[in-house]
Amino acid sequence: LRFPQQLWKMLESDQFQSIWWSMGGKCVAIDEKRFKEEVLGKEAPLRVFAMQSMKSFRHQLNCYGFTTMHQDFQRSASLPEFLAEAAASSARSKILYFYNPGFNREHPQLLETCKRR
């Protein structure tokens, strides 16, 4: 699978606690500290990608047209998103938000538009 498809599968899986859909399925939210342990670490139990650093992961996101969103938007309206964000913020974790117009939970057909630059 290409990177966007792997990312989509992670977001749709209930196995991952460090990554979730945010802003009603328009953004990818990542608890950076937990993501490093859960997905990127050498001993990561849910290792999906060959990369081991957050820098490499962010590079992949950038290559596929994702941009970093800042936290100046409103908190998520859905309960699961709100609880995930609240838990992460109470643990003083850094939450990263990424947006790509072709990566939207409500429109999976747009995933084909996510091409490597």
Protein backbone atom coordinates (compact mmCIF):
# COMPACT_ATOMS: atom_id res chain seq x y z
CA LEU A 1 0.00 0.00 0.00
CA ARG A 2 1.08 3.55 -0.64
CA PHE A 3 1.63 5.89 2.31
CA PRO A 4 -1.85 7.55 2.16
CA GLN A 5 -3.60 4.17 2.12
CA GLN A 6 -1.54 2.96 5.08
CA LEU A 7 -2.38 6.13 6.97
CA TRP A 8 -6.09 5.73 6.14
CA LYS A 9 -6.09 2.16 7.45
CA MET A 10 -4.48 3.34 10.69
CA LEU A 11 -7.13 6.02 11.17
CA GLU A 12 -9.95 3.58 10.53
CA SER A 13 -8.50 0.97 12.90
CA ASP A 14 -9.38 0.93 16.57
CA GLN A 15 -5.90 -0.44 17.42
CA PHE A 16 -4.16 2.95 17.46
CA GLN A 17 -4.50 5.35 20.37
CA SER A 18 -1.99 7.88 19.06
CA ILE A 19 -3.69 8.89 15.80
CA TRP A 20 -7.31 9.79 14.99
CA TRP A 21 -9.55 11.75 12.66
CA SER A 22 -10.12 15.32 13.79
CA MET A 23 -12.30 18.23 12.66
CA GLY A 24 -15.07 15.87 11.60
CA GLY A 25 -12.80 13.69 9.49
CA LYS A 26 -11.00 16.50 7.67
CA CYS A 27 -7.71 16.41 9.60
CA VAL A 28 -5.34 13.82 10.97
CA ALA A 29 -4.53 14.37 14.65
CA ILE A 30 -1.43 12.76 16.14
CA ASP A 31 -0.33 12.59 19.77
CA GLU A 32 3.36 12.93 18.92
CA LYS A 33 4.85 11.29 22.03
CA ARG A 34 2.49 8.33 21.97
CA PHE A 35 2.82 7.93 18.18
CA LYS A 36 6.61 7.65 18.49
CA GLU A 37 6.22 4.86 21.05
CA GLU A 38 3.27 3.07 19.46
CA VAL A 39 4.15 3.26 15.76
CA LEU A 40 7.66 4.52 15.06
CA GLY A 41 9.83 3.04 17.82
CA LYS A 42 12.11 0.04 17.25
CA GLU A 43 10.03 -1.96 19.71
CA ALA A 44 6.73 -0.41 18.63
CA PRO A 45 3.89 -2.91 19.03
CA LEU A 46 1.93 -1.50 16.08
CA ARG A 47 4.71 -0.69 13.68
CA VAL A 48 3.31 0.14 10.24
CA PHE A 49 6.02 2.15 8.52
CA ALA A 50 9.68 1.37 7.89
CA MET A 51 10.68 4.79 9.23
CA GLN A 52 11.60 5.31 12.87
CA SER A 53 11.64 9.08 13.26
CA MET A 54 8.94 11.71 13.40
CA LYS A 55 11.00 13.80 10.98
CA SER A 56 10.77 11.05 8.33
CA PHE A 57 7.06 10.60 8.96
CA ARG A 58 6.42 14.34 8.57
CA HIS A 59 8.51 14.30 5.38
CA GLN A 60 6.20 11.61 3.95
CA LEU A 61 3.16 13.69 4.89
CA ASN A 62 4.68 16.70 3.14
CA CYS A 63 5.52 14.64 0.05
CA TYR A 64 1.85 13.69 -0.26
CA GLY A 65 0.58 17.26 0.11
CA PHE A 66 -0.35 17.36 3.80
CA THR A 67 0.04 20.70 5.53
CA THR A 68 0.38 21.39 9.23
CA MET A 69 -2.66 22.89 10.89
CA HIS A 70 -2.37 25.00 14.01
CA GLN A 71 -4.53 24.68 17.09
CA ASP A 72 -6.35 27.96 16.54
CA PHE A 73 -9.44 26.07 15.33
CA GLN A 74 -12.27 25.01 17.64
CA ARG A 75 -12.17 21.81 19.63
CA SER A 76 -13.65 18.76 17.94
CA ALA A 77 -17.39 18.36 18.14
CA SER A 78 -17.58 14.57 18.13
CA LEU A 79 -17.22 12.80 21.47
CA PRO A 80 -14.43 10.35 20.46
CA GLU A 81 -12.34 13.17 18.96
CA PHE A 82 -12.93 15.42 21.96
CA LEU A 83 -12.00 12.67 24.43
CA ALA A 84 -8.82 11.78 22.53
CA GLU A 85 -7.75 15.42 22.38
CA ALA A 86 -8.63 16.02 26.04
CA ALA A 87 -6.68 12.93 27.16
CA ALA A 88 -3.66 13.96 25.12
CA SER A 89 -3.73 17.54 26.36
CA SER A 90 -4.13 16.43 29.98
CA ALA A 91 -1.04 14.27 29.53
CA ARG A 92 0.76 17.40 28.27
CA SER A 93 1.37 15.76 24.93
CA LYS A 94 1.96 17.65 21.74
CA ILE A 95 -0.92 17.14 19.32
CA LEU A 96 -0.06 17.62 15.66
CA TYR A 97 -2.76 18.27 13.05
CA PHE A 98 -2.32 17.65 9.32
CA TYR A 99 -4.67 18.53 6.49
CA ASN A 100 -4.90 17.43 2.88
CA PRO A 101 -7.98 18.31 0.76
CA GLY A 102 -7.86 14.83 -0.80
CA PHE A 103 -7.77 13.05 2.56
CA ASN A 104 -11.26 13.27 4.02
CA ARG A 105 -13.07 10.58 5.99
CA GLU A 106 -16.42 11.44 4.38
CA HIS A 107 -15.01 11.18 0.84
CA PRO A 108 -12.78 8.10 0.55
CA GLN A 109 -12.87 8.34 -3.25
CA LEU A 110 -10.64 11.44 -2.96
CA LEU A 111 -7.82 9.28 -1.60
CA GLU A 112 -6.78 8.58 -5.19
CA THR A 113 -5.92 12.27 -5.58
CA CYS A 114 -3.22 11.98 -2.89
CA LYS A 115 -0.17 11.59 -5.09
CA ARG A 116 3.49 11.86 -4.21
CA ARG A 117 4.91 15.19 -5.32
